[in-house]
Each structure stands twice: as structure tokens, then as C-alpha cells.
């Protein structure tokens, strides 16, 4: 009979070799975050040649890194993009979004909401302070419906033709709304717009870059902190 240790050592060596070939946790598939792009025609992508607006450059920026992946969520499906889901509604004002947000959130269960809304209110003559109050109510409802959700708010485009003063007043107010992470929209030039309100592909690229910077910073910080989804 062979000594026990002569039988055990080959077995241990085989186990060690197997463990060395087993993928580590670091090599596991990155987490997928559910992101709801929420807003009006700019979220829908009006004016872009792809019909996806900022959602495509944002998708591309996320796809170029390896720490996480994105799953866009929403009841709308538009654009030449791998994941066309979103919650952008052309021509809608804040109150219309507020009226539907409960059911959208219940269905989509997002980890993040990217919120850009209010230009249609101002374009139809709403007082910026009143519109900002409606915005704050919408944000509060999102948090009530989905505790723990992360809202990234991008202010209105400051160079929107004929509405610069109203946009400045509105942005100054909504940026103080408790809870969301606020980012300024880029000051797009006329060469980056297709009309007074809507960006072209170049403008949407800049918007996507701004949103990506904040989303990426927030998500990496969340991962380092070990936070769990809501």
C-alpha cells in the first residue's frame, strides 16, 4: 500500500492547478445598471440623424469601458441604437410627465433616472419659478415611488433661442432641488442645433459626454462603496 501522503499530494496539486485556472471575481461579468432617460423630445432624440439623440453617444461611452454595462428602460423605443428604450415624449411638459411617472417607474424599475425636462413649459410661456416648482414636485414623486434611485438632472440648454433669460432663471432654481445630481447643459452654438430648441448630432454628442461624466463618476463611487440597487 502506498503511503497516504503520496496519495494526498498529487490530489492537492491538482486542486491548486484547477483553482489557478478558475476565473476570479475580478473577471466576472460587470454589473448592468438600469437607466431611464426621462424627458421630452431632446430625450427622444429629435434632430439627430440616428433618432437616438444623446442616448447613442452615452451608450458608446459606456460600452467603451469595462466596469459596468447599461440597460436603457422605458416605454418608448426609438433610434438606431443597440438599446432603443427610453421615456422621452415629444412636446410634453412637466405636468404630463408627472401624471405618468408612477406607472413608468413601476414597470421599468430603474437604478438611475436621467432627467431633462422643462423647455416646453417655458416655450409655452410658463413662469420659470412655477415650472421649477413643478419640477421639484416631479423629483419628489420619483423618490417616493423609487426610494434609493439616483437622479441625474441636466439643466436646459442655456442658448435656446429666445428663451435664454427664462432658461437661466429655471436652471438656477432646479439646480437647488434636494436630491438629484445636477449638471449644466453645454452652451451649444447655432452650428450644433437643428432649430431653436433641438441639437444636431454634434450637440447631442456634447450632451452625451456631459451626462456620461456624471453617470460614470456616480456609478464608480457607488461600486466602491458597495451600494446595492434600490
C-alpha atoms as a PDB file:
ATOM      1  CA  UNK A   1       0.000   0.000   0.000  1.00  0.00           C
ATOM      2  CA  UNK A   2       1.317   3.458  -0.927  1.00  0.00           C
ATOM      3  CA  UNK A   3       1.820   5.907   1.972  1.00  0.00           C
ATOM      4  CA  UNK A   4      -1.097   8.264   2.471  1.00  0.00           C
ATOM      5  CA  UNK A   5       0.989  11.368   1.832  1.00  0.00           C
ATOM      6  CA  UNK A   6       1.948  10.072  -1.596  1.00  0.00           C
ATOM      7  CA  UNK A   7      -1.752   9.914  -2.490  1.00  0.00           C
ATOM      8  CA  UNK A   8      -2.684  13.241  -0.954  1.00  0.00           C
ATOM      9  CA  UNK A   9      -0.015  15.440  -2.514  1.00  0.00           C
ATOM     10  CA  UNK A  10      -0.934  14.722  -6.160  1.00  0.00           C
ATOM     11  CA  UNK A  11      -4.557  15.436  -5.301  1.00  0.00           C
ATOM     12  CA  UNK A  12      -3.647  18.750  -3.671  1.00  0.00           C
ATOM     13  CA  UNK A  13      -1.510  19.701  -6.650  1.00  0.00           C
ATOM     14  CA  UNK A  14      -4.420  19.026  -8.997  1.00  0.00           C
ATOM     15  CA  UNK A  15      -6.755  21.145  -6.890  1.00  0.00           C
ATOM     16  CA  UNK A  16      -4.269  24.029  -6.818  1.00  0.00           C
ATOM     17  CA  UNK A  17      -3.844  23.867 -10.590  1.00  0.00           C
ATOM     18  CA  UNK A  18      -7.615  23.898 -11.081  1.00  0.00           C
ATOM     19  CA  UNK A  19      -8.004  26.895  -8.771  1.00  0.00           C
ATOM     20  CA  UNK A  20      -5.323  28.776 -10.678  1.00  0.00           C
ATOM     21  CA  UNK A  21      -7.303  28.352 -13.890  1.00  0.00           C
ATOM     22  CA  UNK A  22     -10.640  29.371 -12.373  1.00  0.00           C
ATOM     23  CA  UNK A  23     -11.756  32.933 -13.247  1.00  0.00           C
ATOM     24  CA  UNK A  24     -11.567  35.283 -10.288  1.00  0.00           C
ATOM     25  CA  UNK A  25     -14.289  37.623  -9.119  1.00  0.00           C
ATOM     26  CA  UNK A  26     -12.485  40.434 -10.933  1.00  0.00           C
ATOM     27  CA  UNK A  27     -13.024  38.586 -14.214  1.00  0.00           C
ATOM     28  CA  UNK A  28     -16.754  38.152 -13.639  1.00  0.00           C
ATOM     29  CA  UNK A  29     -19.214  39.892 -15.905  1.00  0.00           C
ATOM     30  CA  UNK A  30     -19.631  43.567 -14.991  1.00  0.00           C
ATOM     31  CA  UNK A  31     -22.925  44.623 -13.406  1.00  0.00           C
ATOM     32  CA  UNK A  32     -25.683  46.007 -15.592  1.00  0.00           C
ATOM     33  CA  UNK A  33     -27.376  49.205 -14.437  1.00  0.00           C
ATOM     34  CA  UNK A  34     -30.934  50.051 -15.468  1.00  0.00           C
ATOM     35  CA  UNK A  35     -31.101  53.638 -16.722  1.00  0.00           C
ATOM     36  CA  UNK A  36     -34.279  55.533 -17.625  1.00  0.00           C
ATOM     37  CA  UNK A  37     -33.706  58.515 -19.948  1.00  0.00           C
ATOM     38  CA  UNK A  38     -36.684  60.708 -18.993  1.00  0.00           C
ATOM     39  CA  UNK A  39     -37.924  63.891 -20.599  1.00  0.00           C
ATOM     40  CA  UNK A  40     -39.221  65.405 -23.813  1.00  0.00           C
ATOM     41  CA  UNK A  41     -38.153  65.476 -27.468  1.00  0.00           C
ATOM     42  CA  UNK A  42     -34.491  66.003 -26.604  1.00  0.00           C
ATOM     43  CA  UNK A  43     -34.542  62.724 -24.699  1.00  0.00           C
ATOM     44  CA  UNK A  44     -36.382  61.127 -27.616  1.00  0.00           C
ATOM     45  CA  UNK A  45     -33.643  62.361 -29.956  1.00  0.00           C
ATOM     46  CA  UNK A  46     -35.454  64.797 -32.236  1.00  0.00           C
ATOM     47  CA  UNK A  47     -32.971  66.457 -34.588  1.00  0.00           C
ATOM     48  CA  UNK A  48     -30.389  63.664 -34.610  1.00  0.00           C
ATOM     49  CA  UNK A  49     -29.770  61.621 -37.739  1.00  0.00           C
ATOM     50  CA  UNK A  50     -29.947  58.414 -35.683  1.00  0.00           C
ATOM     51  CA  UNK A  51     -33.184  59.266 -33.897  1.00  0.00           C
ATOM     52  CA  UNK A  52     -31.439  58.406 -30.627  1.00  0.00           C
ATOM     53  CA  UNK A  53     -30.111  61.831 -29.609  1.00  0.00           C
ATOM     54  CA  UNK A  54     -27.715  61.825 -26.666  1.00  0.00           C
ATOM     55  CA  UNK A  55     -28.615  58.225 -25.850  1.00  0.00           C
ATOM     56  CA  UNK A  56     -26.305  56.871 -28.565  1.00  0.00           C
ATOM     57  CA  UNK A  57     -23.110  58.737 -27.604  1.00  0.00           C
ATOM     58  CA  UNK A  58     -23.850  57.929 -23.955  1.00  0.00           C
ATOM     59  CA  UNK A  59     -24.262  54.255 -24.879  1.00  0.00           C
ATOM     60  CA  UNK A  60     -20.987  54.306 -26.809  1.00  0.00           C
ATOM     61  CA  UNK A  61     -19.069  55.887 -23.930  1.00  0.00           C
ATOM     62  CA  UNK A  62     -20.365  53.239 -21.522  1.00  0.00           C
ATOM     63  CA  UNK A  63     -19.626  50.419 -23.984  1.00  0.00           C
ATOM     64  CA  UNK A  64     -16.004  51.601 -24.207  1.00  0.00           C
ATOM     65  CA  UNK A  65     -15.338  50.879 -20.515  1.00  0.00           C
ATOM     66  CA  UNK A  66     -15.497  47.623 -18.557  1.00  0.00           C
ATOM     67  CA  UNK A  67     -16.725  48.442 -15.039  1.00  0.00           C
ATOM     68  CA  UNK A  68     -20.449  48.252 -15.820  1.00  0.00           C
ATOM     69  CA  UNK A  69     -22.970  47.927 -18.632  1.00  0.00           C
ATOM     70  CA  UNK A  70     -26.236  49.765 -19.225  1.00  0.00           C
ATOM     71  CA  UNK A  71     -29.787  48.632 -19.863  1.00  0.00           C
ATOM     72  CA  UNK A  72     -31.928  51.551 -21.035  1.00  0.00           C
ATOM     73  CA  UNK A  73     -35.506  51.221 -19.796  1.00  0.00           C
ATOM     74  CA  UNK A  74     -38.776  52.932 -20.676  1.00  0.00           C
ATOM     75  CA  UNK A  75     -41.998  52.505 -22.618  1.00  0.00           C
ATOM     76  CA  UNK A  76     -40.720  54.259 -25.775  1.00  0.00           C
ATOM     77  CA  UNK A  77     -38.449  52.629 -28.352  1.00  0.00           C
ATOM     78  CA  UNK A  78     -36.717  54.859 -30.887  1.00  0.00           C
ATOM     79  CA  UNK A  79     -33.464  55.299 -32.726  1.00  0.00           C
ATOM     80  CA  UNK A  80     -30.673  53.413 -34.467  1.00  0.00           C
ATOM     81  CA  UNK A  81     -29.095  52.226 -31.218  1.00  0.00           C
ATOM     82  CA  UNK A  82     -28.483  48.789 -29.673  1.00  0.00           C
ATOM     83  CA  UNK A  83     -30.967  49.511 -26.869  1.00  0.00           C
ATOM     84  CA  UNK A  84     -33.704  51.940 -28.025  1.00  0.00           C
ATOM     85  CA  UNK A  85     -35.755  52.038 -24.795  1.00  0.00           C
ATOM     86  CA  UNK A  86     -36.390  55.426 -23.212  1.00  0.00           C
ATOM     87  CA  UNK A  87     -39.064  57.656 -21.683  1.00  0.00           C
ATOM     88  CA  UNK A  88     -38.766  60.751 -23.887  1.00  0.00           C
ATOM     89  CA  UNK A  89     -42.065  62.270 -25.049  1.00  0.00           C
ATOM     90  CA  UNK A  90     -42.099  64.888 -27.775  1.00  0.00           C
ATOM     91  CA  UNK A  91     -43.743  68.143 -26.800  1.00  0.00           C
ATOM     92  CA  UNK A  92     -44.531  67.070 -23.257  1.00  0.00           C
ATOM     93  CA  UNK A  93     -44.432  69.411 -20.312  1.00  0.00           C
ATOM     94  CA  UNK A  94     -43.528  68.698 -16.702  1.00  0.00           C
ATOM     95  CA  UNK A  95     -47.104  68.090 -15.546  1.00  0.00           C
ATOM     96  CA  UNK A  96     -47.646  65.488 -18.264  1.00  0.00           C
ATOM     97  CA  UNK A  97     -44.544  63.589 -17.191  1.00  0.00           C
ATOM     98  CA  UNK A  98     -45.670  63.834 -13.562  1.00  0.00           C
ATOM     99  CA  UNK A  99     -49.060  62.323 -14.439  1.00  0.00           C
ATOM    100  CA  UNK A 100     -47.493  59.155 -15.865  1.00  0.00           C
ATOM    101  CA  UNK A 101     -44.344  58.694 -13.817  1.00  0.00           C
ATOM    102  CA  UNK A 102     -45.812  56.252 -11.276  1.00  0.00           C
ATOM    103  CA  UNK A 103     -46.628  53.584 -13.843  1.00  0.00           C
ATOM    104  CA  UNK A 104     -43.389  54.081 -15.781  1.00  0.00           C
ATOM    105  CA  UNK A 105     -41.234  53.603 -12.709  1.00  0.00           C
ATOM    106  CA  UNK A 106     -43.219  50.595 -11.545  1.00  0.00           C
ATOM    107  CA  UNK A 107     -42.751  48.920 -14.915  1.00  0.00           C
ATOM    108  CA  UNK A 108     -39.113  49.833 -15.553  1.00  0.00           C
ATOM    109  CA  UNK A 109     -37.549  49.660 -12.048  1.00  0.00           C
ATOM    110  CA  UNK A 110     -34.571  51.922 -12.915  1.00  0.00           C
ATOM    111  CA  UNK A 111     -31.387  52.290 -10.887  1.00  0.00           C
ATOM    112  CA  UNK A 112     -30.796  55.709 -12.496  1.00  0.00           C
ATOM    113  CA  UNK A 113     -33.089  58.346 -13.973  1.00  0.00           C
ATOM    114  CA  UNK A 114     -31.560  60.869 -16.359  1.00  0.00           C
ATOM    115  CA  UNK A 115     -33.973  63.798 -16.245  1.00  0.00           C
ATOM    116  CA  UNK A 116     -34.101  66.662 -18.735  1.00  0.00           C
ATOM    117  CA  UNK A 117     -37.427  68.486 -18.824  1.00  0.00           C
ATOM    118  CA  UNK A 118     -38.955  71.968 -18.807  1.00  0.00           C
ATOM    119  CA  UNK A 119     -38.202  73.634 -22.137  1.00  0.00           C
ATOM    120  CA  UNK A 120     -41.731  73.079 -23.463  1.00  0.00           C
ATOM    121  CA  UNK A 121     -43.174  74.711 -20.356  1.00  0.00           C
ATOM    122  CA  UNK A 122     -41.013  77.796 -20.926  1.00  0.00           C
ATOM    123  CA  UNK A 123     -41.659  77.832 -24.674  1.00  0.00           C
ATOM    124  CA  UNK A 124     -45.397  77.995 -23.963  1.00  0.00           C
ATOM    125  CA  UNK A 125     -44.963  80.918 -21.576  1.00  0.00           C
ATOM    126  CA  UNK A 126     -44.739  79.272 -18.167  1.00  0.00           C
ATOM    127  CA  UNK A 127     -43.173  81.289 -15.376  1.00  0.00           C
ATOM    128  CA  UNK A 128     -39.720  79.815 -14.659  1.00  0.00           C
ATOM    129  CA  UNK A 129     -40.332  79.768 -10.911  1.00  0.00           C
ATOM    130  CA  UNK A 130     -43.643  77.982 -11.328  1.00  0.00           C
ATOM    131  CA  UNK A 131     -42.102  75.476 -13.738  1.00  0.00           C
ATOM    132  CA  UNK A 132     -39.269  74.856 -11.276  1.00  0.00           C
ATOM    133  CA  UNK A 133     -41.812  74.159  -8.519  1.00  0.00           C
ATOM    134  CA  UNK A 134     -43.478  71.575 -10.765  1.00  0.00           C
ATOM    135  CA  UNK A 135     -40.059  70.104 -11.452  1.00  0.00           C
ATOM    136  CA  UNK A 136     -39.383  69.771  -7.715  1.00  0.00           C
ATOM    137  CA  UNK A 137     -42.720  68.004  -7.280  1.00  0.00           C
ATOM    138  CA  UNK A 138     -41.823  65.563 -10.066  1.00  0.00           C
ATOM    139  CA  UNK A 139     -38.475  64.806  -8.442  1.00  0.00           C
ATOM    140  CA  UNK A 140     -40.129  64.229  -5.077  1.00  0.00           C
ATOM    141  CA  UNK A 141     -42.557  61.809  -6.684  1.00  0.00           C
ATOM    142  CA  UNK A 142     -39.746  59.854  -8.327  1.00  0.00           C
ATOM    143  CA  UNK A 143     -38.056  59.433  -4.965  1.00  0.00           C
ATOM    144  CA  UNK A 144     -41.330  58.432  -3.316  1.00  0.00           C
ATOM    145  CA  UNK A 145     -42.005  55.822  -5.989  1.00  0.00           C
ATOM    146  CA  UNK A 146     -38.460  54.514  -6.131  1.00  0.00           C
ATOM    147  CA  UNK A 147     -36.543  55.070  -2.876  1.00  0.00           C
ATOM    148  CA  UNK A 148     -32.811  54.919  -3.428  1.00  0.00           C
ATOM    149  CA  UNK A 149     -32.978  55.749  -7.128  1.00  0.00           C
ATOM    150  CA  UNK A 150     -30.240  58.060  -8.397  1.00  0.00           C
ATOM    151  CA  UNK A 151     -31.468  61.032 -10.424  1.00  0.00           C
ATOM    152  CA  UNK A 152     -29.088  62.873 -12.710  1.00  0.00           C
ATOM    153  CA  UNK A 153     -30.588  66.167 -13.852  1.00  0.00           C
ATOM    154  CA  UNK A 154     -29.239  68.068 -16.817  1.00  0.00           C
ATOM    155  CA  UNK A 155     -30.343  71.689 -16.936  1.00  0.00           C
ATOM    156  CA  UNK A 156     -31.906  73.203 -20.017  1.00  0.00           C
ATOM    157  CA  UNK A 157     -29.677  74.279 -22.901  1.00  0.00           C
ATOM    158  CA  UNK A 158     -28.731  77.869 -21.999  1.00  0.00           C
ATOM    159  CA  UNK A 159     -28.518  79.007 -25.623  1.00  0.00           C
ATOM    160  CA  UNK A 160     -32.114  78.028 -26.519  1.00  0.00           C
ATOM    161  CA  UNK A 161     -33.047  80.837 -28.907  1.00  0.00           C
ATOM    162  CA  UNK A 162     -35.472  83.396 -27.479  1.00  0.00           C
ATOM    163  CA  UNK A 163     -35.593  81.716 -24.074  1.00  0.00           C
ATOM    164  CA  UNK A 164     -32.165  82.454 -22.635  1.00  0.00           C
ATOM    165  CA  UNK A 165     -33.411  84.542 -19.705  1.00  0.00           C
ATOM    166  CA  UNK A 166     -36.179  82.100 -18.800  1.00  0.00           C
ATOM    167  CA  UNK A 167     -33.821  79.142 -19.055  1.00  0.00           C
ATOM    168  CA  UNK A 168     -31.250  80.830 -16.824  1.00  0.00           C
ATOM    169  CA  UNK A 169     -33.884  81.512 -14.157  1.00  0.00           C
ATOM    170  CA  UNK A 170     -35.269  77.978 -14.367  1.00  0.00           C
ATOM    171  CA  UNK A 171     -31.845  76.334 -14.211  1.00  0.00           C
ATOM    172  CA  UNK A 172     -30.806  78.468 -11.250  1.00  0.00           C
ATOM    173  CA  UNK A 173     -33.840  77.205  -9.352  1.00  0.00           C
ATOM    174  CA  UNK A 174     -33.842  73.498 -10.267  1.00  0.00           C
ATOM    175  CA  UNK A 175     -30.150  73.084  -9.522  1.00  0.00           C
ATOM    176  CA  UNK A 176     -31.005  73.630  -5.823  1.00  0.00           C
ATOM    177  CA  UNK A 177     -33.682  70.898  -5.790  1.00  0.00           C
ATOM    178  CA  UNK A 178     -32.769  68.484  -2.980  1.00  0.00           C
ATOM    179  CA  UNK A 179     -31.590  65.051  -4.053  1.00  0.00           C
ATOM    180  CA  UNK A 180     -30.582  64.945  -7.709  1.00  0.00           C
ATOM    181  CA  UNK A 181     -27.090  65.325  -9.097  1.00  0.00           C
ATOM    182  CA  UNK A 182     -27.312  68.429 -11.272  1.00  0.00           C
ATOM    183  CA  UNK A 183     -25.148  69.054 -14.332  1.00  0.00           C
ATOM    184  CA  UNK A 184     -25.191  72.077 -16.603  1.00  0.00           C
ATOM    185  CA  UNK A 185     -26.171  71.528 -20.209  1.00  0.00           C
ATOM    186  CA  UNK A 186     -23.498  72.624 -22.682  1.00  0.00           C
ATOM    187  CA  UNK A 187     -23.935  76.053 -24.253  1.00  0.00           C
ATOM    188  CA  UNK A 188     -24.472  74.806 -27.788  1.00  0.00           C
ATOM    189  CA  UNK A 189     -23.712  77.064 -30.724  1.00  0.00           C
ATOM    190  CA  UNK A 190     -26.031  77.552 -33.696  1.00  0.00           C
ATOM    191  CA  UNK A 191     -23.892  75.068 -35.643  1.00  0.00           C
ATOM    192  CA  UNK A 192     -24.766  72.423 -33.038  1.00  0.00           C
ATOM    193  CA  UNK A 193     -28.535  72.940 -33.277  1.00  0.00           C
ATOM    194  CA  UNK A 194     -31.073  71.988 -35.954  1.00  0.00           C
ATOM    195  CA  UNK A 195     -33.557  74.620 -34.776  1.00  0.00           C
ATOM    196  CA  UNK A 196     -34.125  76.957 -31.826  1.00  0.00           C
ATOM    197  CA  UNK A 197     -34.547  74.117 -29.320  1.00  0.00           C
ATOM    198  CA  UNK A 198     -33.090  70.864 -30.630  1.00  0.00           C
ATOM    199  CA  UNK A 199     -29.452  69.795 -31.017  1.00  0.00           C
ATOM    200  CA  UNK A 200     -27.980  68.102 -34.052  1.00  0.00           C
ATOM    201  CA  UNK A 201     -25.599  65.140 -33.844  1.00  0.00           C
ATOM    202  CA  UNK A 202     -22.703  67.332 -32.704  1.00  0.00           C
ATOM    203  CA  UNK A 203     -24.827  68.904 -29.993  1.00  0.00           C
ATOM    204  CA  UNK A 204     -26.114  65.551 -28.819  1.00  0.00           C
ATOM    205  CA  UNK A 205     -22.545  64.251 -28.643  1.00  0.00           C
ATOM    206  CA  UNK A 206     -21.653  67.048 -26.239  1.00  0.00           C
ATOM    207  CA  UNK A 207     -24.755  66.353 -24.153  1.00  0.00           C
ATOM    208  CA  UNK A 208     -23.955  62.644 -24.041  1.00  0.00           C
ATOM    209  CA  UNK A 209     -20.418  63.412 -22.890  1.00  0.00           C
ATOM    210  CA  UNK A 210     -21.679  65.641 -20.066  1.00  0.00           C
ATOM    211  CA  UNK A 211     -24.135  63.016 -18.846  1.00  0.00           C
ATOM    212  CA  UNK A 212     -21.579  60.220 -19.127  1.00  0.00           C
ATOM    213  CA  UNK A 213     -19.079  62.101 -16.982  1.00  0.00           C
ATOM    214  CA  UNK A 214     -21.567  62.388 -14.120  1.00  0.00           C
ATOM    215  CA  UNK A 215     -23.056  58.914 -14.533  1.00  0.00           C
ATOM    216  CA  UNK A 216     -19.624  57.298 -14.626  1.00  0.00           C
ATOM    217  CA  UNK A 217     -18.387  59.225 -11.584  1.00  0.00           C
ATOM    218  CA  UNK A 218     -21.520  58.321  -9.637  1.00  0.00           C
ATOM    219  CA  UNK A 219     -21.583  54.653 -10.599  1.00  0.00           C
ATOM    220  CA  UNK A 220     -17.903  54.055  -9.825  1.00  0.00           C
ATOM    221  CA  UNK A 221     -18.333  55.747  -6.443  1.00  0.00           C
ATOM    222  CA  UNK A 222     -21.369  53.567  -5.776  1.00  0.00           C
ATOM    223  CA  UNK A 223     -19.409  50.431  -6.628  1.00  0.00           C
ATOM    224  CA  UNK A 224     -16.530  51.417  -4.364  1.00  0.00           C
ATOM    225  CA  UNK A 225     -18.990  51.989  -1.528  1.00  0.00           C
ATOM    226  CA  UNK A 226     -20.632  48.623  -2.171  1.00  0.00           C
ATOM    227  CA  UNK A 227     -24.105  50.152  -2.526  1.00  0.00           C
ATOM    228  CA  UNK A 228     -26.934  47.871  -3.535  1.00  0.00           C
ATOM    229  CA  UNK A 229     -29.646  48.696  -6.095  1.00  0.00           C
ATOM    230  CA  UNK A 230     -32.980  50.012  -4.813  1.00  0.00           C
END
